[in-house]
Amino acid sequence: MARINLDQLSLLSHHTPPFTSCSPSRLDRHVSLKISKSGKLFTEAAEAEIQFHERTSSANPAHPGHGHIASLFRHFKHEGPNGTHVCSVFEVLGETVTALRKLYKKVPPPIVQKIGRQILLGLDFLHRECGNVHRNLEPGNVLISIGEDVEGVIRSELKNPPQGGYNTKTSIPLKSTLAASSGISQADDYDYSNITVKIAGLSCGTWISNRSREGIVCRPYRSPELFIGAPWDQRVDIWGAGCTLGQLLTGEFVFEAYLYISEEEYMLQVIELVGPYPIEVLKSGKYLRNEITRMNKIISENRYNVFNLEDRFRFQHRFDKKLTQCILRMLELDPSKRWEAKQLLDEKAGWLGPDK
């Protein structure tokens, strides 16, 4: 961390971390500075992210999901020795929700429930108020908010630097933010009432009205319609949210995506866990039709020997029916039947319903 003025910022493109924290004198506050690599594709992604954030900042502030999207303060370009870098100035947030695994191998359902409702509020805001699809909803893009005393947390971190100091070539995590923002500690496992999360990482996003922009979604959270080249909409984000919550609950990927797994192997486990794959959706796709038809047949013939996701949740993890039903609705293979954020939020008896 450093106390600098943004107008005097000097960066070396090959030595600068993608995220760093600083306190520009004009703002008199610490901020998070995201610096894109130089190059056409990186610049386009950064500029698209800025457009999406400009939309979120101007959209309905009364929507409860408005406060669950990371805030962009300003942006500028910097000319470095290796080209032009787009620099985006964000609010300071804490660690990603994966940091909860430092406290729990499996995050307790009440905590995941609170996180899940906030994720859905943010997605509902993006979808209905902003007309935006995130397209890369995964644990690394859900950050824990530090809370009101941002400066206090940062100053405490600076007073107690790690042994050996900071490595300026990498991002500087705020290690104390998890406890500061949520009140969670190993001594008090159930003090989860104050945890707040925000969605970040909009650079892979696109507009609902124009879904032509290319982008890569991390495989463990990529909805099946994207694999087969079928029509898709904002509900790809709901699939990603379901995978994210399932991972927090179980401590493992819902759908394993090891390095060299093929698309056919990946889709086979998807069908095993939440299949069979709907024929009408399959017909609307461009890829893997024959392979998935064959998988459907194999799974159907061996259904009694297959331990599906519902069975895993009920018997292996002992989750209750409401929780299981909620995650399955988010992981519905037919996009037209997959519940949207507002439906999940409005279901009175649902696990992520209005009373949660």
Protein backbone atom coordinates (compact mmCIF):
# COMPACT_ATOMS: atom_id res chain seq x y z
CA MET A 1 0.00 0.00 0.00
CA ALA A 2 1.12 3.53 -0.66
CA ARG A 3 -0.16 7.04 -0.18
CA ILE A 4 -0.01 8.60 -3.63
CA ASN A 5 -1.78 11.05 -5.90
CA LEU A 6 -3.45 9.39 -8.86
CA ASP A 7 -2.42 12.22 -11.17
CA GLN A 8 1.22 11.53 -10.38
CA LEU A 9 0.97 7.75 -10.61
CA SER A 10 3.91 6.16 -12.41
CA LEU A 11 3.62 2.52 -13.39
CA LEU A 12 5.72 -0.09 -15.11
CA SER A 13 3.35 -2.37 -16.99
CA HIS A 14 5.39 -5.53 -16.44
CA HIS A 15 5.96 -4.88 -12.72
CA THR A 16 2.53 -3.68 -11.66
CA PRO A 17 -0.04 -5.93 -9.95
CA PRO A 18 -3.58 -6.03 -11.40
CA PHE A 19 -4.89 -4.80 -8.05
CA THR A 20 -3.16 -2.63 -5.50
CA SER A 21 -4.35 -0.28 -2.80
CA CYS A 22 -3.49 3.37 -2.50
CA SER A 23 -4.74 6.57 -0.94
CA PRO A 24 -4.85 9.44 -3.44
CA SER A 25 -4.66 12.80 -1.67
CA ARG A 26 -7.57 14.28 -3.61
CA LEU A 27 -9.95 11.58 -2.41
CA ASP A 28 -8.41 11.38 1.07
CA ARG A 29 -9.33 7.72 1.26
CA HIS A 30 -7.83 4.39 0.37
CA VAL A 31 -8.95 2.88 -2.89
CA SER A 32 -8.37 -0.26 -4.91
CA LEU A 33 -6.60 0.35 -8.20
CA LYS A 34 -7.15 -2.17 -11.00
CA ILE A 35 -4.62 -1.85 -13.82
CA SER A 36 -5.27 -3.68 -17.07
CA LYS A 37 -2.52 -5.13 -19.19
CA SER A 38 -1.77 -3.32 -22.41
CA GLY A 39 -3.17 -4.82 -25.60
CA LYS A 40 -6.38 -4.61 -27.57
CA LEU A 41 -8.31 -7.42 -25.86
CA PHE A 42 -7.35 -6.32 -22.33
CA THR A 43 -8.24 -2.72 -23.12
CA GLU A 44 -11.61 -3.70 -24.58
CA ALA A 45 -12.43 -5.81 -21.51
CA ALA A 46 -11.46 -2.98 -19.14
CA GLU A 47 -13.47 -0.42 -21.10
CA ALA A 48 -16.49 -2.75 -21.16
CA GLU A 49 -16.23 -3.18 -17.39
CA ILE A 50 -16.20 0.60 -16.99
CA GLN A 51 -19.35 0.90 -19.12
CA PHE A 52 -21.15 -1.68 -17.01
CA HIS A 53 -20.13 0.05 -13.78
CA GLU A 54 -21.26 3.41 -15.14
CA ARG A 55 -24.63 1.81 -15.75
CA THR A 56 -24.81 0.31 -12.26
CA SER A 57 -23.95 3.66 -10.69
CA SER A 58 -26.75 5.43 -12.58
CA ALA A 59 -29.40 2.71 -12.19
CA ASN A 60 -32.07 2.59 -9.49
CA PRO A 61 -30.26 3.28 -6.18
CA ALA A 62 -33.34 2.21 -4.21
CA HIS A 63 -33.01 -1.40 -5.40
CA PRO A 64 -31.65 -3.51 -2.52
CA GLY A 65 -29.12 -5.09 -4.87
CA HIS A 66 -27.50 -1.74 -5.66
CA GLY A 67 -25.34 -2.03 -2.55
CA HIS A 68 -24.12 -5.49 -3.51
CA ILE A 69 -22.18 -4.39 -6.60
CA ALA A 70 -18.61 -3.10 -6.20
CA SER A 71 -18.38 0.68 -6.72
CA LEU A 72 -16.20 2.26 -9.40
CA PHE A 73 -15.04 5.78 -8.41
CA ARG A 74 -13.19 6.87 -11.53
CA HIS A 75 -10.95 5.65 -14.35
CA PHE A 76 -8.06 6.92 -16.45
CA LYS A 77 -5.42 5.75 -18.92
CA HIS A 78 -1.70 5.52 -18.31
CA GLU A 79 0.96 5.39 -21.00
CA GLY A 80 3.68 2.93 -19.98
CA PRO A 81 6.75 1.54 -21.75
CA ASN A 82 4.73 -1.43 -23.03
CA GLY A 83 1.62 0.43 -24.13
CA THR A 84 -1.54 1.99 -22.76
CA HIS A 85 -3.11 0.71 -19.55
CA VAL A 86 -6.70 1.33 -18.47
CA CYS A 87 -6.73 2.07 -14.73
CA SER A 88 -9.93 1.72 -12.73
CA VAL A 89 -10.35 3.07 -9.20
CA PHE A 90 -12.68 0.96 -7.04
CA GLU A 91 -13.79 0.97 -3.44
CA VAL A 92 -11.63 -1.15 -1.15
CA LEU A 93 -13.15 -4.56 -0.51
CA GLY A 94 -11.86 -7.52 1.45
CA GLU A 95 -11.09 -11.07 0.49
CA THR A 96 -13.20 -13.25 -1.76
CA VAL A 97 -15.72 -15.59 -0.19
CA THR A 98 -13.25 -18.44 -0.66
CA ALA A 99 -11.45 -16.94 2.37
CA LEU A 100 -14.25 -18.38 4.49
CA ARG A 101 -12.62 -21.75 3.99
CA LYS A 102 -9.79 -20.56 6.21
CA LEU A 103 -12.33 -20.78 9.01
CA TYR A 104 -14.44 -23.68 7.78
CA LYS A 105 -13.80 -26.47 5.31
CA LYS A 106 -17.53 -26.37 4.67
CA VAL A 107 -19.15 -23.00 5.27
CA PRO A 108 -22.20 -23.38 7.56
CA PRO A 109 -25.53 -23.15 5.68
CA PRO A 110 -26.76 -20.05 7.61
CA ILE A 111 -23.72 -18.09 6.40
CA VAL A 112 -24.07 -19.36 2.83
CA GLN A 113 -27.76 -18.52 2.99
CA LYS A 114 -26.99 -14.89 3.82
CA ILE A 115 -24.30 -14.70 1.12
CA GLY A 116 -26.60 -16.35 -1.40
CA ARG A 117 -29.42 -13.89 -0.85
CA GLN A 118 -27.04 -10.95 -1.30
CA ILE A 119 -25.62 -12.46 -4.50
CA LEU A 120 -29.14 -12.85 -5.87
CA LEU A 121 -30.03 -9.28 -4.92
CA GLY A 122 -26.96 -8.09 -6.82
CA LEU A 123 -27.81 -10.25 -9.83
CA ASP A 124 -31.43 -9.10 -9.83
CA PHE A 125 -30.18 -5.52 -9.87
CA LEU A 126 -27.80 -6.25 -12.75
CA HIS A 127 -30.42 -8.14 -14.75
CA ARG A 128 -33.60 -6.10 -14.29
CA GLU A 129 -32.32 -2.61 -13.49
CA CYS A 130 -29.10 -2.51 -15.53
CA GLY A 131 -29.84 -4.93 -18.38
CA ASN A 132 -26.49 -6.59 -17.76
CA VAL A 133 -25.35 -10.23 -17.65
CA HIS A 134 -22.29 -10.83 -15.47
CA ARG A 135 -21.29 -14.12 -17.16
CA ASN A 136 -18.47 -14.91 -14.75
CA LEU A 137 -20.22 -15.35 -11.42
CA GLU A 138 -17.88 -17.47 -9.29
CA PRO A 139 -16.38 -17.27 -5.77
CA GLY A 140 -13.42 -15.18 -6.92
CA ASN A 141 -15.79 -12.42 -8.03
CA VAL A 142 -17.77 -12.25 -4.80
CA LEU A 143 -15.90 -10.10 -2.29
CA ILE A 144 -16.48 -9.53 1.41
CA SER A 145 -17.21 -5.92 2.28
CA ILE A 146 -15.02 -4.44 5.00
CA GLY A 147 -17.83 -2.37 6.45
CA GLU A 148 -18.01 1.27 7.46
CA ASP A 149 -14.58 1.53 9.09
CA VAL A 150 -12.54 0.89 5.93
CA GLU A 151 -9.79 3.29 6.93
CA GLY A 152 -9.51 1.77 10.40
CA VAL A 153 -9.06 -1.73 9.01
CA ILE A 154 -6.45 -0.59 6.48
CA ARG A 155 -4.47 1.44 9.00
CA SER A 156 -4.45 -1.54 11.35
CA GLU A 157 -3.12 -3.71 8.53
CA LEU A 158 -0.40 -1.19 7.73
CA LYS A 159 0.69 -1.01 11.37
CA ASN A 160 1.16 -4.78 11.42
CA PRO A 161 2.77 -5.72 8.09
CA PRO A 162 3.61 -9.37 7.39
CA GLN A 163 7.08 -10.63 8.21
CA GLY A 164 9.40 -9.82 5.33
CA GLY A 165 7.19 -6.95 4.18
CA TYR A 166 4.96 -6.81 1.11
CA ASN A 167 5.78 -8.09 -2.34
CA THR A 168 4.97 -5.13 -4.56
CA LYS A 169 4.75 -7.34 -7.65
CA THR A 170 1.58 -8.95 -6.37
CA SER A 171 -1.70 -7.79 -4.95
CA ILE A 172 -1.80 -6.99 -1.24
CA PRO A 173 -4.66 -8.84 0.49
CA LEU A 174 -6.21 -7.29 3.55
CA LYS A 175 -5.94 -10.28 5.82
CA SER A 176 -7.93 -8.77 8.66
CA THR A 177 -10.96 -7.89 6.57
CA LEU A 178 -12.74 -11.20 7.00
CA ALA A 179 -13.13 -10.79 10.73
CA ALA A 180 -13.63 -7.03 10.47
CA SER A 181 -16.44 -7.27 7.95
CA SER A 182 -18.33 -10.30 9.15
CA GLY A 183 -17.60 -10.69 12.82
CA ILE A 184 -16.76 -14.32 12.09
CA SER A 185 -14.02 -15.96 14.10
CA GLN A 186 -13.00 -19.48 14.97
CA ALA A 187 -14.10 -18.84 18.54
CA ASP A 188 -17.58 -17.73 17.47
CA ASP A 189 -18.60 -19.79 14.46
CA TYR A 190 -22.15 -18.51 14.32
CA ASP A 191 -21.65 -14.76 14.43
CA TYR A 192 -22.52 -14.34 10.76
CA SER A 193 -25.21 -11.66 11.01
CA ASN A 194 -23.10 -8.76 9.76
CA ILE A 195 -21.42 -10.35 6.74
CA THR A 196 -21.90 -8.36 3.54
CA VAL A 197 -20.69 -9.34 0.08
CA LYS A 198 -20.42 -7.48 -3.21
CA ILE A 199 -20.18 -8.70 -6.79
CA ALA A 200 -17.12 -7.59 -8.75
CA GLY A 201 -15.39 -8.61 -11.99
CA LEU A 202 -17.81 -7.29 -14.61
CA SER A 203 -15.22 -7.38 -17.40
CA CYS A 204 -16.70 -10.56 -18.91
CA GLY A 205 -20.20 -9.10 -18.86
CA THR A 206 -22.50 -8.24 -21.71
CA TRP A 207 -25.85 -6.55 -22.27
CA ILE A 208 -29.04 -8.61 -22.20
CA SER A 209 -30.18 -6.77 -25.33
CA ASN A 210 -26.95 -7.54 -27.20
CA ARG A 211 -25.36 -10.84 -26.24
CA SER A 212 -22.89 -10.99 -29.11
CA ARG A 213 -19.80 -10.08 -27.10
CA GLU A 214 -17.41 -12.99 -26.71
CA GLY A 215 -16.14 -14.03 -23.31
CA ILE A 216 -14.74 -16.99 -21.43
CA VAL A 217 -16.55 -18.26 -18.35
CA CYS A 218 -14.51 -20.32 -15.88
CA ARG A 219 -15.46 -23.94 -16.60
CA PRO A 220 -16.64 -25.09 -13.13
CA TYR A 221 -19.27 -22.31 -13.20
CA ARG A 222 -20.13 -22.30 -16.91
CA SER A 223 -23.75 -23.11 -17.69
CA PRO A 224 -24.36 -26.10 -19.99
CA GLU A 225 -26.09 -24.08 -22.73
CA LEU A 226 -22.79 -22.28 -23.30
CA PHE A 227 -21.02 -25.62 -23.74
CA ILE A 228 -23.41 -26.81 -26.44
CA GLY A 229 -23.84 -23.47 -28.22
CA ALA A 230 -27.55 -23.18 -27.40
CA PRO A 231 -29.42 -19.87 -26.88
CA TRP A 232 -28.71 -18.34 -23.48
CA ASP A 233 -29.75 -15.37 -21.37
CA GLN A 234 -29.15 -13.85 -17.95
CA ARG A 235 -29.85 -17.17 -16.27
CA VAL A 236 -26.27 -18.23 -17.00
CA ASP A 237 -25.52 -16.13 -13.90
CA ILE A 238 -27.96 -18.17 -11.82
CA TRP A 239 -26.10 -21.35 -12.79
CA GLY A 240 -22.83 -19.73 -11.69
CA ALA A 241 -24.43 -18.65 -8.42
CA GLY A 242 -25.71 -22.18 -7.79
CA CYS A 243 -22.23 -23.62 -8.37
CA THR A 244 -20.73 -20.98 -6.08
CA LEU A 245 -23.14 -21.66 -3.20
CA GLY A 246 -22.78 -25.41 -3.65
CA GLN A 247 -19.00 -25.08 -3.44
CA LEU A 248 -19.17 -23.02 -0.25
CA LEU A 249 -21.58 -25.50 1.32
CA THR A 250 -19.67 -28.68 0.47
CA GLY A 251 -16.07 -27.46 0.34
CA GLU A 252 -15.64 -28.85 -3.17
CA PHE A 253 -16.61 -28.06 -6.76
CA VAL A 254 -20.16 -29.09 -7.59
CA PHE A 255 -18.83 -30.14 -10.99
CA GLU A 256 -15.15 -31.10 -11.05
CA ALA A 257 -13.10 -29.38 -13.74
CA TYR A 258 -9.55 -30.66 -13.43
CA LEU A 259 -6.97 -29.35 -15.88
CA TYR A 260 -7.23 -31.85 -18.71
CA ILE A 261 -10.91 -32.81 -18.53
CA SER A 262 -12.62 -32.82 -21.91
CA GLU A 263 -15.93 -31.09 -22.55
CA GLU A 264 -17.55 -34.50 -23.02
CA GLU A 265 -16.26 -35.74 -19.65
CA TYR A 266 -17.38 -32.55 -17.97
CA MET A 267 -20.87 -32.73 -19.45
CA LEU A 268 -21.14 -36.40 -18.44
CA GLN A 269 -20.78 -35.53 -14.76
CA VAL A 270 -23.26 -32.65 -15.17
CA ILE A 271 -25.81 -35.08 -16.61
CA GLU A 272 -25.05 -37.64 -13.90
CA LEU A 273 -25.70 -35.10 -11.16
CA VAL A 274 -28.59 -33.01 -12.50
CA GLY A 275 -29.66 -34.73 -15.74
CA PRO A 276 -30.98 -36.02 -18.02
CA TYR A 277 -30.29 -33.28 -20.53
CA PRO A 278 -33.54 -31.88 -22.03
CA ILE A 279 -33.88 -32.99 -25.66
CA GLU A 280 -35.41 -29.71 -26.85
CA VAL A 281 -32.52 -27.71 -25.41
CA LEU A 282 -30.05 -30.14 -26.95
CA LYS A 283 -31.68 -29.72 -30.37
CA SER A 284 -31.22 -25.95 -30.13
CA GLY A 285 -27.46 -26.33 -29.61
CA LYS A 286 -24.64 -26.60 -32.13
CA TYR A 287 -22.29 -28.99 -30.36
CA LEU A 288 -22.16 -32.36 -28.60
CA ARG A 289 -25.62 -33.50 -29.74
CA ASN A 290 -24.67 -37.11 -30.41
CA GLU A 291 -22.40 -37.32 -27.39
CA ILE A 292 -25.03 -35.99 -24.98
CA THR A 293 -27.76 -38.17 -26.49
CA ARG A 294 -25.54 -41.16 -25.80
CA MET A 295 -24.83 -39.91 -22.25
CA ASN A 296 -28.56 -39.51 -21.58
CA LYS A 297 -29.13 -43.10 -22.60
CA ILE A 298 -26.30 -44.46 -20.46
CA ILE A 299 -27.41 -42.51 -17.38
CA SER A 300 -31.05 -43.50 -17.90
CA GLU A 301 -30.14 -47.18 -18.08
CA ASN A 302 -28.04 -46.94 -14.91
CA ARG A 303 -30.09 -44.41 -12.94
CA TYR A 304 -30.32 -46.58 -9.83
CA ASN A 305 -26.53 -46.82 -9.69
CA VAL A 306 -25.97 -43.07 -10.07
CA PHE A 307 -25.53 -40.89 -6.97
CA ASN A 308 -27.03 -37.61 -8.21
CA LEU A 309 -26.71 -34.15 -6.66
CA GLU A 310 -29.95 -34.42 -4.70
CA ASP A 311 -28.77 -37.70 -3.16
CA ARG A 312 -25.36 -36.21 -2.38
CA PHE A 313 -26.90 -33.20 -0.66
CA ARG A 314 -29.42 -35.26 1.32
CA PHE A 315 -27.36 -38.25 2.40
CA GLN A 316 -23.71 -37.20 2.25
CA HIS A 317 -24.07 -33.62 3.50
CA ARG A 318 -27.39 -33.90 5.37
CA PHE A 319 -28.79 -30.69 3.88
CA ASP A 320 -32.48 -30.01 4.39
CA LYS A 321 -35.05 -30.18 1.62
CA LYS A 322 -35.42 -26.40 1.16
CA LEU A 323 -31.70 -25.89 0.66
CA THR A 324 -31.42 -28.80 -1.76
CA GLN A 325 -34.46 -27.71 -3.75
CA CYS A 326 -33.13 -24.15 -4.02
CA ILE A 327 -29.73 -25.21 -5.40
CA LEU A 328 -31.38 -27.63 -7.85
CA ARG A 329 -33.61 -24.83 -9.16
CA MET A 330 -30.47 -22.78 -9.81
CA LEU A 331 -28.85 -25.75 -11.57
CA GLU A 332 -31.79 -26.60 -13.81
CA LEU A 333 -30.46 -27.79 -17.19
CA ASP A 334 -33.31 -26.23 -19.15
CA PRO A 335 -32.60 -22.46 -19.07
CA SER A 336 -36.28 -21.65 -19.56
CA LYS A 337 -37.10 -23.55 -16.34
CA ARG A 338 -34.13 -22.31 -14.33
CA TRP A 339 -35.38 -19.90 -11.70
CA GLU A 340 -34.38 -16.27 -12.03
CA ALA A 341 -32.97 -14.23 -9.16
CA LYS A 342 -36.27 -12.48 -8.39
CA GLN A 343 -38.19 -15.77 -8.30
CA LEU A 344 -35.76 -17.24 -5.78
CA LEU A 345 -35.80 -14.06 -3.70
CA ASP A 346 -39.60 -13.78 -3.70
CA GLU A 347 -40.43 -17.39 -2.81
CA LYS A 348 -41.74 -16.99 0.73
CA ALA A 349 -40.99 -20.54 1.82
CA GLY A 350 -37.78 -20.79 -0.17
CA TRP A 351 -34.30 -21.18 1.31
CA LEU A 352 -33.27 -17.77 -0.07
CA GLY A 353 -36.71 -16.21 0.31
CA PRO A 354 -37.67 -12.80 1.77
CA ASP A 355 -37.54 -13.83 5.42
CA LYS A 356 -33.87 -14.89 5.24
